[in-house]
């Protein structure tokens, strides 16, 4: 009697996580965007470079600015009807400081993280 290995399910990982949150930090600004993976388009974004946000921020590069960007991005995602996103961190990005501030504020806005 030969026992066959179980059949592998089709690769549906890309379809389970269509929206990916990516963050970029420079010495002057904080920006975050959500990308729709199958079409490679930007679904929503927020940045401390936006002229409407600059007067309300003391600094455009610290942890408080990152938290504000996360909150605004979360609200914009809910307005567009995107309930959940996956988080993509670069190798050098740790869950600490500005990265933690953005992710926590997106979560507090009501967006689920995968």
PDB file of N, CA and C in Angstrom:
ATOM      1  N   UNK A   1       0.846  -1.168   0.000  1.00  0.00           N
ATOM      2  CA  UNK A   1       0.000   0.000   0.000  1.00  0.00           C
ATOM      3  C   UNK A   1       0.895   1.236   0.000  1.00  0.00           C
ATOM      4  N   UNK A   2       0.638   2.153  -0.926  1.00  0.00           N
ATOM      5  CA  UNK A   2       1.413   3.379  -1.043  1.00  0.00           C
ATOM      6  C   UNK A   2       0.578   4.539  -0.521  1.00  0.00           C
ATOM      7  N   UNK A   3       1.161   5.276   0.402  1.00  0.00           N
ATOM      8  CA  UNK A   3       0.465   6.439   0.948  1.00  0.00           C
ATOM      9  C   UNK A   3       1.028   7.681   0.267  1.00  0.00           C
ATOM     10  N   UNK A   4       0.166   8.394  -0.425  1.00  0.00           N
ATOM     11  CA  UNK A   4       0.584   9.598  -1.125  1.00  0.00           C
ATOM     12  C   UNK A   4       0.640  10.779  -0.159  1.00  0.00           C
ATOM     13  N   UNK A   5       1.563  11.711  -0.397  1.00  0.00           N
ATOM     14  CA  UNK A   5       1.595  12.902   0.458  1.00  0.00           C
ATOM     15  C   UNK A   5       0.355  13.753   0.219  1.00  0.00           C
ATOM     16  N   UNK A   6      -0.031  14.527   1.201  1.00  0.00           N
ATOM     17  CA  UNK A   6      -1.230  15.352   1.013  1.00  0.00           C
ATOM     18  C   UNK A   6      -1.021  16.382  -0.089  1.00  0.00           C
ATOM     19  N   UNK A   7      -2.080  16.674  -0.795  1.00  0.00           N
ATOM     20  CA  UNK A   7      -2.007  17.650  -1.883  1.00  0.00           C
ATOM     21  C   UNK A   7      -1.814  19.042  -1.291  1.00  0.00           C
ATOM     22  N   UNK A   8      -0.907  19.807  -1.893  1.00  0.00           N
ATOM     23  CA  UNK A   8      -0.659  21.160  -1.408  1.00  0.00           C
ATOM     24  C   UNK A   8      -1.766  22.089  -1.894  1.00  0.00           C
ATOM     25  N   UNK A   9      -2.242  22.955  -1.011  1.00  0.00           N
ATOM     26  CA  UNK A   9      -3.264  23.910  -1.446  1.00  0.00           C
ATOM     27  C   UNK A   9      -2.643  24.935  -2.391  1.00  0.00           C
ATOM     28  N   UNK A  10      -3.432  25.532  -3.246  1.00  0.00           N
ATOM     29  CA  UNK A  10      -2.883  26.548  -4.144  1.00  0.00           C
ATOM     30  C   UNK A  10      -2.373  27.748  -3.362  1.00  0.00           C
ATOM     31  N   UNK A  11      -1.421  28.442  -3.937  1.00  0.00           N
ATOM     32  CA  UNK A  11      -0.817  29.589  -3.253  1.00  0.00           C
ATOM     33  C   UNK A  11      -1.761  30.773  -3.315  1.00  0.00           C
ATOM     34  N   UNK A  12      -2.428  31.010  -2.208  1.00  0.00           N
ATOM     35  CA  UNK A  12      -3.392  32.111  -2.159  1.00  0.00           C
ATOM     36  C   UNK A  12      -2.959  33.182  -1.172  1.00  0.00           C
ATOM     37  N   UNK A  13      -1.690  33.145  -0.789  1.00  0.00           N
ATOM     38  CA  UNK A  13      -1.207  34.112   0.193  1.00  0.00           C
ATOM     39  C   UNK A  13      -1.371  35.533  -0.325  1.00  0.00           C
ATOM     40  N   UNK A  14      -1.095  35.762  -1.605  1.00  0.00           N
ATOM     41  CA  UNK A  14      -1.193  37.105  -2.163  1.00  0.00           C
ATOM     42  C   UNK A  14      -2.625  37.617  -2.172  1.00  0.00           C
ATOM     43  N   UNK A  15      -3.599  36.710  -2.239  1.00  0.00           N
ATOM     44  CA  UNK A  15      -4.985  37.133  -2.279  1.00  0.00           C
ATOM     45  C   UNK A  15      -5.555  37.332  -0.885  1.00  0.00           C
ATOM     46  N   UNK A  16      -4.953  36.705   0.120  1.00  0.00           N
ATOM     47  CA  UNK A  16      -5.438  36.886   1.478  1.00  0.00           C
ATOM     48  C   UNK A  16      -5.017  38.231   2.047  1.00  0.00           C
ATOM     49  N   UNK A  17      -3.886  38.770   1.578  1.00  0.00           N
ATOM     50  CA  UNK A  17      -3.381  40.037   2.087  1.00  0.00           C
ATOM     51  C   UNK A  17      -3.219  41.028   0.940  1.00  0.00           C
ATOM     52  N   UNK A  18      -4.319  41.519   0.403  1.00  0.00           N
ATOM     53  CA  UNK A  18      -4.185  42.399  -0.755  1.00  0.00           C
ATOM     54  C   UNK A  18      -3.688  43.789  -0.410  1.00  0.00           C
ATOM     55  N   UNK A  19      -3.902  44.264   0.818  1.00  0.00           N
ATOM     56  CA  UNK A  19      -3.476  45.605   1.200  1.00  0.00           C
ATOM     57  C   UNK A  19      -2.291  45.520   2.158  1.00  0.00           C
ATOM     58  N   UNK A  20      -1.216  46.213   1.823  1.00  0.00           N
ATOM     59  CA  UNK A  20       0.015  46.153   2.605  1.00  0.00           C
ATOM     60  C   UNK A  20       0.396  47.556   3.053  1.00  0.00           C
ATOM     61  N   UNK A  21       0.686  47.718   4.336  1.00  0.00           N
ATOM     62  CA  UNK A  21       1.117  48.994   4.906  1.00  0.00           C
ATOM     63  C   UNK A  21       2.635  49.083   4.837  1.00  0.00           C
ATOM     64  N   UNK A  22       3.135  50.145   4.204  1.00  0.00           N
ATOM     65  CA  UNK A  22       4.570  50.381   4.128  1.00  0.00           C
ATOM     66  C   UNK A  22       4.860  51.768   4.673  1.00  0.00           C
ATOM     67  N   UNK A  23       5.969  51.874   5.397  1.00  0.00           N
ATOM     68  CA  UNK A  23       6.337  53.133   6.036  1.00  0.00           C
ATOM     69  C   UNK A  23       7.725  53.560   5.567  1.00  0.00           C
ATOM     70  N   UNK A  24       7.921  54.876   5.526  1.00  0.00           N
ATOM     71  CA  UNK A  24       9.213  55.423   5.136  1.00  0.00           C
ATOM     72  C   UNK A  24       9.531  56.602   6.048  1.00  0.00           C
ATOM     73  N   UNK A  25      10.728  56.585   6.593  1.00  0.00           N
ATOM     74  CA  UNK A  25      11.154  57.632   7.517  1.00  0.00           C
ATOM     75  C   UNK A  25      12.435  58.272   6.996  1.00  0.00           C
ATOM     76  N   UNK A  26      12.457  59.601   6.965  1.00  0.00           N
ATOM     77  CA  UNK A  26      13.673  60.331   6.635  1.00  0.00           C
ATOM     78  C   UNK A  26      14.046  61.188   7.831  1.00  0.00           C
ATOM     79  N   UNK A  27      15.107  61.949   7.693  1.00  0.00           N
ATOM     80  CA  UNK A  27      15.521  62.821   8.783  1.00  0.00           C
ATOM     81  C   UNK A  27      14.575  64.003   8.954  1.00  0.00           C
ATOM     82  N   UNK A  28      13.723  64.266   7.958  1.00  0.00           N
ATOM     83  CA  UNK A  28      12.812  65.407   8.036  1.00  0.00           C
ATOM     84  C   UNK A  28      11.342  65.021   8.086  1.00  0.00           C
ATOM     85  N   UNK A  29      10.966  63.899   7.483  1.00  0.00           N
ATOM     86  CA  UNK A  29       9.546  63.591   7.321  1.00  0.00           C
ATOM     87  C   UNK A  29       9.230  62.132   7.635  1.00  0.00           C
ATOM     88  N   UNK A  30       7.939  61.883   7.875  1.00  0.00           N
ATOM     89  CA  UNK A  30       7.388  60.548   8.092  1.00  0.00           C
ATOM     90  C   UNK A  30       6.296  60.341   7.058  1.00  0.00           C
ATOM     91  N   UNK A  31       6.309  59.199   6.381  1.00  0.00           N
ATOM     92  CA  UNK A  31       5.228  58.912   5.435  1.00  0.00           C
ATOM     93  C   UNK A  31       4.853  57.440   5.536  1.00  0.00           C
ATOM     94  N   UNK A  32       3.584  57.164   5.280  1.00  0.00           N
ATOM     95  CA  UNK A  32       3.068  55.797   5.305  1.00  0.00           C
ATOM     96  C   UNK A  32       2.038  55.673   4.193  1.00  0.00           C
ATOM     97  N   UNK A  33       2.028  54.514   3.556  1.00  0.00           N
ATOM     98  CA  UNK A  33       1.059  54.293   2.483  1.00  0.00           C
ATOM     99  C   UNK A  33       0.593  52.843   2.507  1.00  0.00           C
ATOM    100  N   UNK A  34      -0.608  52.646   2.012  1.00  0.00           N
ATOM    101  CA  UNK A  34      -1.180  51.309   1.891  1.00  0.00           C
ATOM    102  C   UNK A  34      -1.271  50.998   0.413  1.00  0.00           C
ATOM    103  N   UNK A  35      -0.659  49.874   0.019  1.00  0.00           N
ATOM    104  CA  UNK A  35      -0.580  49.491  -1.391  1.00  0.00           C
ATOM    105  C   UNK A  35      -1.481  48.297  -1.638  1.00  0.00           C
ATOM    106  N   UNK A  36      -2.247  48.345  -2.729  1.00  0.00           N
ATOM    107  CA  UNK A  36      -3.070  47.222  -3.158  1.00  0.00           C
ATOM    108  C   UNK A  36      -2.175  46.317  -3.995  1.00  0.00           C
ATOM    109  N   UNK A  37      -1.809  45.162  -3.455  1.00  0.00           N
ATOM    110  CA  UNK A  37      -0.789  44.304  -4.060  1.00  0.00           C
ATOM    111  C   UNK A  37      -1.139  43.770  -5.453  1.00  0.00           C
ATOM    112  N   UNK A  38      -2.350  43.263  -5.680  1.00  0.00           N
ATOM    113  CA  UNK A  38      -2.621  42.701  -7.016  1.00  0.00           C
ATOM    114  C   UNK A  38      -2.507  43.718  -8.146  1.00  0.00           C
ATOM    115  N   UNK A  39      -2.861  44.979  -7.900  1.00  0.00           N
ATOM    116  CA  UNK A  39      -2.784  45.980  -8.959  1.00  0.00           C
ATOM    117  C   UNK A  39      -1.586  46.908  -8.820  1.00  0.00           C
ATOM    118  N   UNK A  40      -0.846  46.802  -7.710  1.00  0.00           N
ATOM    119  CA  UNK A  40       0.331  47.631  -7.441  1.00  0.00           C
ATOM    120  C   UNK A  40       0.000  49.120  -7.492  1.00  0.00           C
ATOM    121  N   UNK A  41      -1.116  49.495  -6.878  1.00  0.00           N
ATOM    122  CA  UNK A  41      -1.503  50.900  -6.804  1.00  0.00           C
ATOM    123  C   UNK A  41      -1.589  51.321  -5.339  1.00  0.00           C
ATOM    124  N   UNK A  42      -1.451  52.599  -5.098  1.00  0.00           N
ATOM    125  CA  UNK A  42      -1.540  53.130  -3.744  1.00  0.00           C
ATOM    126  C   UNK A  42      -3.015  53.341  -3.409  1.00  0.00           C
ATOM    127  N   UNK A  43      -3.485  52.651  -2.376  1.00  0.00           N
ATOM    128  CA  UNK A  43      -4.880  52.771  -1.967  1.00  0.00           C
ATOM    129  C   UNK A  43      -5.098  54.025  -1.125  1.00  0.00           C
ATOM    130  N   UNK A  44      -4.154  54.306  -0.235  1.00  0.00           N
ATOM    131  CA  UNK A  44      -4.252  55.484   0.623  1.00  0.00           C
ATOM    132  C   UNK A  44      -2.872  55.801   1.163  1.00  0.00           C
ATOM    133  N   UNK A  45      -2.654  57.075   1.477  1.00  0.00           N
ATOM    134  CA  UNK A  45      -1.353  57.461   2.026  1.00  0.00           C
ATOM    135  C   UNK A  45      -1.519  58.673   2.932  1.00  0.00           C
ATOM    136  N   UNK A  46      -0.519  58.870   3.778  1.00  0.00           N
ATOM    137  CA  UNK A  46      -0.457  60.043   4.644  1.00  0.00           C
ATOM    138  C   UNK A  46       1.014  60.371   4.859  1.00  0.00           C
ATOM    139  N   UNK A  47       1.317  61.662   4.912  1.00  0.00           N
ATOM    140  CA  UNK A  47       2.696  62.082   5.063  1.00  0.00           C
ATOM    141  C   UNK A  47       2.746  63.375   5.859  1.00  0.00           C
ATOM    142  N   UNK A  48       3.846  63.587   6.539  1.00  0.00           N
ATOM    143  CA  UNK A  48       4.019  64.835   7.275  1.00  0.00           C
ATOM    144  C   UNK A  48       4.440  65.962   6.342  1.00  0.00           C
ATOM    145  N   UNK A  49       4.590  65.688   5.057  1.00  0.00           N
ATOM    146  CA  UNK A  49       4.889  66.721   4.067  1.00  0.00           C
ATOM    147  C   UNK A  49       3.640  67.442   3.584  1.00  0.00           C
ATOM    148  N   UNK A  50       2.465  66.916   3.879  1.00  0.00           N
ATOM    149  CA  UNK A  50       1.226  67.526   3.419  1.00  0.00           C
ATOM    150  C   UNK A  50       1.052  68.900   4.051  1.00  0.00           C
ATOM    151  N   UNK A  51       0.727  69.876   3.233  1.00  0.00           N
ATOM    152  CA  UNK A  51       0.623  71.254   3.716  1.00  0.00           C
ATOM    153  C   UNK A  51      -0.520  71.433   4.705  1.00  0.00           C
ATOM    154  N   UNK A  52      -1.568  70.644   4.589  1.00  0.00           N
ATOM    155  CA  UNK A  52      -2.700  70.763   5.505  1.00  0.00           C
ATOM    156  C   UNK A  52      -2.337  70.274   6.911  1.00  0.00           C
ATOM    157  N   UNK A  53      -1.357  69.370   7.018  1.00  0.00           N
ATOM    158  CA  UNK A  53      -1.000  68.801   8.316  1.00  0.00           C
ATOM    159  C   UNK A  53       0.114  69.558   9.029  1.00  0.00           C
ATOM    160  N   UNK A  54       0.940  70.264   8.297  1.00  0.00           N
ATOM    161  CA  UNK A  54       2.111  70.906   8.898  1.00  0.00           C
ATOM    162  C   UNK A  54       1.791  71.887  10.019  1.00  0.00           C
ATOM    163  N   UNK A  55       0.773  72.759   9.894  1.00  0.00           N
ATOM    164  CA  UNK A  55       0.513  73.702  11.003  1.00  0.00           C
ATOM    165  C   UNK A  55       0.108  73.026  12.313  1.00  0.00           C
ATOM    166  N   UNK A  56      -0.486  71.838  12.224  1.00  0.00           N
ATOM    167  CA  UNK A  56      -0.959  71.177  13.439  1.00  0.00           C
ATOM    168  C   UNK A  56       0.129  70.352  14.124  1.00  0.00           C
ATOM    169  N   UNK A  57       1.328  70.253  13.529  1.00  0.00           N
ATOM    170  CA  UNK A  57       2.412  69.467  14.110  1.00  0.00           C
ATOM    171  C   UNK A  57       3.542  70.369  14.576  1.00  0.00           C
ATOM    172  N   UNK A  58       4.105  70.038  15.733  1.00  0.00           N
ATOM    173  CA  UNK A  58       5.277  70.776  16.202  1.00  0.00           C
ATOM    174  C   UNK A  58       6.511  70.397  15.393  1.00  0.00           C
ATOM    175  N   UNK A  59       6.705  69.100  15.191  1.00  0.00           N
ATOM    176  CA  UNK A  59       7.826  68.602  14.415  1.00  0.00           C
ATOM    177  C   UNK A  59       7.290  67.611  13.392  1.00  0.00           C
ATOM    178  N   UNK A  60       7.939  67.508  12.247  1.00  0.00           N
ATOM    179  CA  UNK A  60       7.469  66.613  11.191  1.00  0.00           C
ATOM    180  C   UNK A  60       8.232  65.303  11.167  1.00  0.00           C
ATOM    181  N   UNK A  61       9.075  65.044  12.182  1.00  0.00           N
ATOM    182  CA  UNK A  61       9.903  63.844  12.110  1.00  0.00           C
ATOM    183  C   UNK A  61       9.966  63.010  13.383  1.00  0.00           C
ATOM    184  N   UNK A  62       9.322  63.415  14.460  1.00  0.00           N
ATOM    185  CA  UNK A  62       9.450  62.685  15.709  1.00  0.00           C
ATOM    186  C   UNK A  62       8.342  61.650  15.878  1.00  0.00           C
ATOM    187  N   UNK A  63       8.309  61.026  17.042  1.00  0.00           N
ATOM    188  CA  UNK A  63       7.345  59.963  17.313  1.00  0.00           C
ATOM    189  C   UNK A  63       5.917  60.507  17.339  1.00  0.00           C
ATOM    190  N   UNK A  64       5.735  61.722  17.821  1.00  0.00           N
ATOM    191  CA  UNK A  64       4.396  62.321  17.851  1.00  0.00           C
ATOM    192  C   UNK A  64       3.864  62.533  16.432  1.00  0.00           C
ATOM    193  N   UNK A  65       4.749  62.944  15.519  1.00  0.00           N
ATOM    194  CA  UNK A  65       4.342  63.105  14.117  1.00  0.00           C
ATOM    195  C   UNK A  65       3.992  61.754  13.512  1.00  0.00           C
ATOM    196  N   UNK A  66       4.749  60.713  13.850  1.00  0.00           N
ATOM    197  CA  UNK A  66       4.457  59.370  13.345  1.00  0.00           C
ATOM    198  C   UNK A  66       3.100  58.890  13.859  1.00  0.00           C
ATOM    199  N   UNK A  67       2.790  59.198  15.108  1.00  0.00           N
ATOM    200  CA  UNK A  67       1.494  58.799  15.657  1.00  0.00           C
ATOM    201  C   UNK A  67       0.356  59.522  14.946  1.00  0.00           C
ATOM    202  N   UNK A  68       0.540  60.797  14.663  1.00  0.00           N
ATOM    203  CA  UNK A  68      -0.495  61.568  13.966  1.00  0.00           C
ATOM    204  C   UNK A  68      -0.705  61.031  12.545  1.00  0.00           C
ATOM    205  N   UNK A  69       0.382  60.679  11.863  1.00  0.00           N
ATOM    206  CA  UNK A  69       0.286  60.116  10.514  1.00  0.00           C
ATOM    207  C   UNK A  69      -0.461  58.785  10.558  1.00  0.00           C
ATOM    208  N   UNK A  70      -0.178  57.949  11.555  1.00  0.00           N
ATOM    209  CA  UNK A  70      -0.889  56.671  11.690  1.00  0.00           C
ATOM    210  C   UNK A  70      -2.374  56.860  11.921  1.00  0.00           C
ATOM    211  N   UNK A  71      -2.724  57.831  12.742  1.00  0.00           N
ATOM    212  CA  UNK A  71      -4.140  58.101  13.025  1.00  0.00           C
ATOM    213  C   UNK A  71      -4.866  58.580  11.769  1.00  0.00           C
ATOM    214  N   UNK A  72      -4.239  59.491  11.035  1.00  0.00           N
ATOM    215  CA  UNK A  72      -4.853  60.026   9.810  1.00  0.00           C
ATOM    216  C   UNK A  72      -4.978  58.937   8.756  1.00  0.00           C
ATOM    217  N   UNK A  73      -3.946  58.107   8.626  1.00  0.00           N
ATOM    218  CA  UNK A  73      -3.996  57.016   7.646  1.00  0.00           C
ATOM    219  C   UNK A  73      -5.098  56.025   7.996  1.00  0.00           C
ATOM    220  N   UNK A  74      -5.258  55.702   9.274  1.00  0.00           N
ATOM    221  CA  UNK A  74      -6.328  54.796   9.692  1.00  0.00           C
ATOM    222  C   UNK A  74      -7.706  55.337   9.368  1.00  0.00           C
ATOM    223  N   UNK A  75      -7.902  56.639   9.589  1.00  0.00           N
ATOM    224  CA  UNK A  75      -9.199  57.252   9.266  1.00  0.00           C
ATOM    225  C   UNK A  75      -9.454  57.240   7.764  1.00  0.00           C
ATOM    226  N   UNK A  76      -8.417  57.507   6.971  1.00  0.00           N
ATOM    227  CA  UNK A  76      -8.580  57.492   5.512  1.00  0.00           C
ATOM    228  C   UNK A  76      -8.881  56.092   5.000  1.00  0.00           C
ATOM    229  N   UNK A  77      -8.290  55.077   5.618  1.00  0.00           N
ATOM    230  CA  UNK A  77      -8.571  53.702   5.206  1.00  0.00           C
ATOM    231  C   UNK A  77     -10.017  53.324   5.491  1.00  0.00           C
ATOM    232  N   UNK A  78     -10.514  53.721   6.646  1.00  0.00           N
ATOM    233  CA  UNK A  78     -11.904  53.403   6.976  1.00  0.00           C
ATOM    234  C   UNK A  78     -12.874  54.146   6.065  1.00  0.00           C
ATOM    235  N   UNK A  79     -12.534  55.372   5.669  1.00  0.00           N
ATOM    236  CA  UNK A  79     -13.392  56.103   4.736  1.00  0.00           C
ATOM    237  C   UNK A  79     -13.440  55.431   3.365  1.00  0.00           C
ATOM    238  N   UNK A  80     -12.347  54.804   2.957  1.00  0.00           N
ATOM    239  CA  UNK A  80     -12.311  54.108   1.664  1.00  0.00           C
ATOM    240  C   UNK A  80     -12.881  52.695   1.744  1.00  0.00           C
ATOM    241  N   UNK A  81     -13.185  52.227   2.950  1.00  0.00           N
ATOM    242  CA  UNK A  81     -13.776  50.901   3.095  1.00  0.00           C
ATOM    243  C   UNK A  81     -12.750  49.785   3.144  1.00  0.00           C
ATOM    244  N   UNK A  82     -11.558  50.054   3.643  1.00  0.00           N
ATOM    245  CA  UNK A  82     -10.527  49.031   3.765  1.00  0.00           C
ATOM    246  C   UNK A  82     -10.455  48.639   5.241  1.00  0.00           C
ATOM    247  N   UNK A  83     -10.954  47.450   5.612  1.00  0.00           N
ATOM    248  CA  UNK A  83     -11.037  47.100   7.029  1.00  0.00           C
ATOM    249  C   UNK A  83      -9.761  46.507   7.614  1.00  0.00           C
ATOM    250  N   UNK A  84      -8.877  45.947   6.768  1.00  0.00           N
ATOM    251  CA  UNK A  84      -7.693  45.263   7.297  1.00  0.00           C
ATOM    252  C   UNK A  84      -6.514  45.445   6.353  1.00  0.00           C
ATOM    253  N   UNK A  85      -5.323  45.526   6.931  1.00  0.00           N
ATOM    254  CA  UNK A  85      -4.090  45.634   6.156  1.00  0.00           C
ATOM    255  C   UNK A  85      -3.035  44.722   6.756  1.00  0.00           C
ATOM    256  N   UNK A  86      -2.086  44.322   5.932  1.00  0.00           N
ATOM    257  CA  UNK A  86      -0.915  43.581   6.404  1.00  0.00           C
ATOM    258  C   UNK A  86       0.227  44.574   6.542  1.00  0.00           C
ATOM    259  N   UNK A  87       1.125  44.323   7.476  1.00  0.00           N
ATOM    260  CA  UNK A  87       2.241  45.228   7.727  1.00  0.00           C
ATOM    261  C   UNK A  87       3.499  44.641   7.112  1.00  0.00           C
ATOM    262  N   UNK A  88       4.201  45.457   6.335  1.00  0.00           N
ATOM    263  CA  UNK A  88       5.466  45.045   5.734  1.00  0.00           C
ATOM    264  C   UNK A  88       6.575  45.899   6.330  1.00  0.00           C
ATOM    265  N   UNK A  89       7.471  45.263   7.084  1.00  0.00           N
ATOM    266  CA  UNK A  89       8.600  45.967   7.671  1.00  0.00           C
ATOM    267  C   UNK A  89       9.874  45.609   6.921  1.00  0.00           C
ATOM    268  N   UNK A  90      10.694  46.606   6.687  1.00  0.00           N
ATOM    269  CA  UNK A  90      11.992  46.341   6.080  1.00  0.00           C
ATOM    270  C   UNK A  90      12.882  45.652   7.105  1.00  0.00           C
ATOM    271  N   UNK A  91      13.982  45.133   6.655  1.00  0.00           N
ATOM    272  CA  UNK A  91      14.864  44.387   7.540  1.00  0.00           C
ATOM    273  C   UNK A  91      15.370  45.239   8.712  1.00  0.00           C
ATOM    274  N   UNK A  92      15.669  46.501   8.443  1.00  0.00           N
ATOM    275  CA  UNK A  92      16.226  47.339   9.501  1.00  0.00           C
ATOM    276  C   UNK A  92      15.159  47.957  10.401  1.00  0.00           C
ATOM    277  N   UNK A  93      13.878  47.798  10.059  1.00  0.00           N
ATOM    278  CA  UNK A  93      12.812  48.375  10.868  1.00  0.00           C
ATOM    279  C   UNK A  93      12.414  47.404  11.973  1.00  0.00           C
ATOM    280  N   UNK A  94      12.510  47.859  13.197  1.00  0.00           N
ATOM    281  CA  UNK A  94      12.076  47.085  14.357  1.00  0.00           C
ATOM    282  C   UNK A  94      10.764  47.681  14.872  1.00  0.00           C
ATOM    283  N   UNK A  95       9.994  46.881  15.582  1.00  0.00           N
ATOM    284  CA  UNK A  95       8.735  47.356  16.154  1.00  0.00           C
ATOM    285  C   UNK A  95       9.056  48.187  17.389  1.00  0.00           C
ATOM    286  N   UNK A  96       9.502  49.432  17.135  1.00  0.00           N
ATOM    287  CA  UNK A  96       9.959  50.297  18.209  1.00  0.00           C
ATOM    288  C   UNK A  96       9.935  51.735  17.703  1.00  0.00           C
ATOM    289  N   UNK A  97       9.636  52.682  18.570  1.00  0.00           N
ATOM    290  CA  UNK A  97       9.721  54.093  18.219  1.00  0.00           C
ATOM    291  C   UNK A  97       8.670  54.527  17.216  1.00  0.00           C
ATOM    292  N   UNK A  98       9.116  55.102  16.102  1.00  0.00           N
ATOM    293  CA  UNK A  98       8.200  55.644  15.094  1.00  0.00           C
ATOM    294  C   UNK A  98       7.372  54.543  14.443  1.00  0.00           C
ATOM    295  N   UNK A  99       7.986  53.398  14.184  1.00  0.00           N
ATOM    296  CA  UNK A  99       7.263  52.276  13.566  1.00  0.00           C
ATOM    297  C   UNK A  99       6.128  51.827  14.476  1.00  0.00           C
ATOM    298  N   UNK A 100       6.420  51.702  15.755  1.00  0.00           N
ATOM    299  CA  UNK A 100       5.399  51.297  16.726  1.00  0.00           C
ATOM    300  C   UNK A 100       4.290  52.337  16.811  1.00  0.00           C
ATOM    301  N   UNK A 101       4.648  53.608  16.751  1.00  0.00           N
ATOM    302  CA  UNK A 101       3.647  54.673  16.839  1.00  0.00           C
ATOM    303  C   UNK A 101       2.686  54.624  15.659  1.00  0.00           C
ATOM    304  N   UNK A 102       3.211  54.448  14.451  1.00  0.00           N
ATOM    305  CA  UNK A 102       2.354  54.387  13.259  1.00  0.00           C
ATOM    306  C   UNK A 102       1.427  53.177  13.337  1.00  0.00           C
ATOM    307  N   UNK A 103       1.977  52.015  13.632  1.00  0.00           N
ATOM    308  CA  UNK A 103       1.183  50.783  13.639  1.00  0.00           C
ATOM    309  C   UNK A 103       0.116  50.822  14.736  1.00  0.00           C
ATOM    310  N   UNK A 104       0.474  51.281  15.921  1.00  0.00           N
ATOM    311  CA  UNK A 104      -0.494  51.331  17.015  1.00  0.00           C
ATOM    312  C   UNK A 104      -1.626  52.311  16.730  1.00  0.00           C
ATOM    313  N   UNK A 105      -1.315  53.444  16.120  1.00  0.00           N
ATOM    314  CA  UNK A 105      -2.371  54.427  15.834  1.00  0.00           C
ATOM    315  C   UNK A 105      -3.287  53.969  14.697  1.00  0.00           C
ATOM    316  N   UNK A 106      -2.742  53.224  13.734  1.00  0.00           N
ATOM    317  CA  UNK A 106      -3.604  52.650  12.687  1.00  0.00           C
ATOM    318  C   UNK A 106      -4.544  51.637  13.324  1.00  0.00           C
ATOM    319  N   UNK A 107      -4.024  50.851  14.252  1.00  0.00           N
ATOM    320  CA  UNK A 107      -4.842  49.855  14.950  1.00  0.00           C
ATOM    321  C   UNK A 107      -5.911  50.525  15.813  1.00  0.00           C
ATOM    322  N   UNK A 108      -5.548  51.622  16.501  1.00  0.00           N
ATOM    323  CA  UNK A 108      -6.500  52.316  17.355  1.00  0.00           C
ATOM    324  C   UNK A 108      -7.599  53.004  16.537  1.00  0.00           C
ATOM    325  N   UNK A 109      -7.306  53.339  15.284  1.00  0.00           N
ATOM    326  CA  UNK A 109      -8.319  53.970  14.437  1.00  0.00           C
ATOM    327  C   UNK A 109      -9.414  52.988  14.037  1.00  0.00           C
ATOM    328  N   UNK A 110      -9.157  51.684  14.190  1.00  0.00           N
ATOM    329  CA  UNK A 110     -10.176  50.692  13.883  1.00  0.00           C
ATOM    330  C   UNK A 110      -9.840  49.763  12.737  1.00  0.00           C
ATOM    331  N   UNK A 111      -8.626  49.876  12.193  1.00  0.00           N
ATOM    332  CA  UNK A 111      -8.203  49.004  11.101  1.00  0.00           C
ATOM    333  C   UNK A 111      -7.534  47.781  11.704  1.00  0.00           C
ATOM    334  N   UNK A 112      -7.916  46.597  11.229  1.00  0.00           N
ATOM    335  CA  UNK A 112      -7.311  45.374  11.743  1.00  0.00           C
ATOM    336  C   UNK A 112      -5.998  45.118  11.007  1.00  0.00           C
ATOM    337  N   UNK A 113      -5.032  44.585  11.730  1.00  0.00           N
ATOM    338  CA  UNK A 113      -3.737  44.270  11.143  1.00  0.00           C
ATOM    339  C   UNK A 113      -3.609  42.762  11.007  1.00  0.00           C
ATOM    340  N   UNK A 114      -3.174  42.325   9.835  1.00  0.00           N
ATOM    341  CA  UNK A 114      -3.017  40.901   9.577  1.00  0.00           C
ATOM    342  C   UNK A 114      -1.588  40.477   9.825  1.00  0.00           C
TER     343      UNK A 114
END
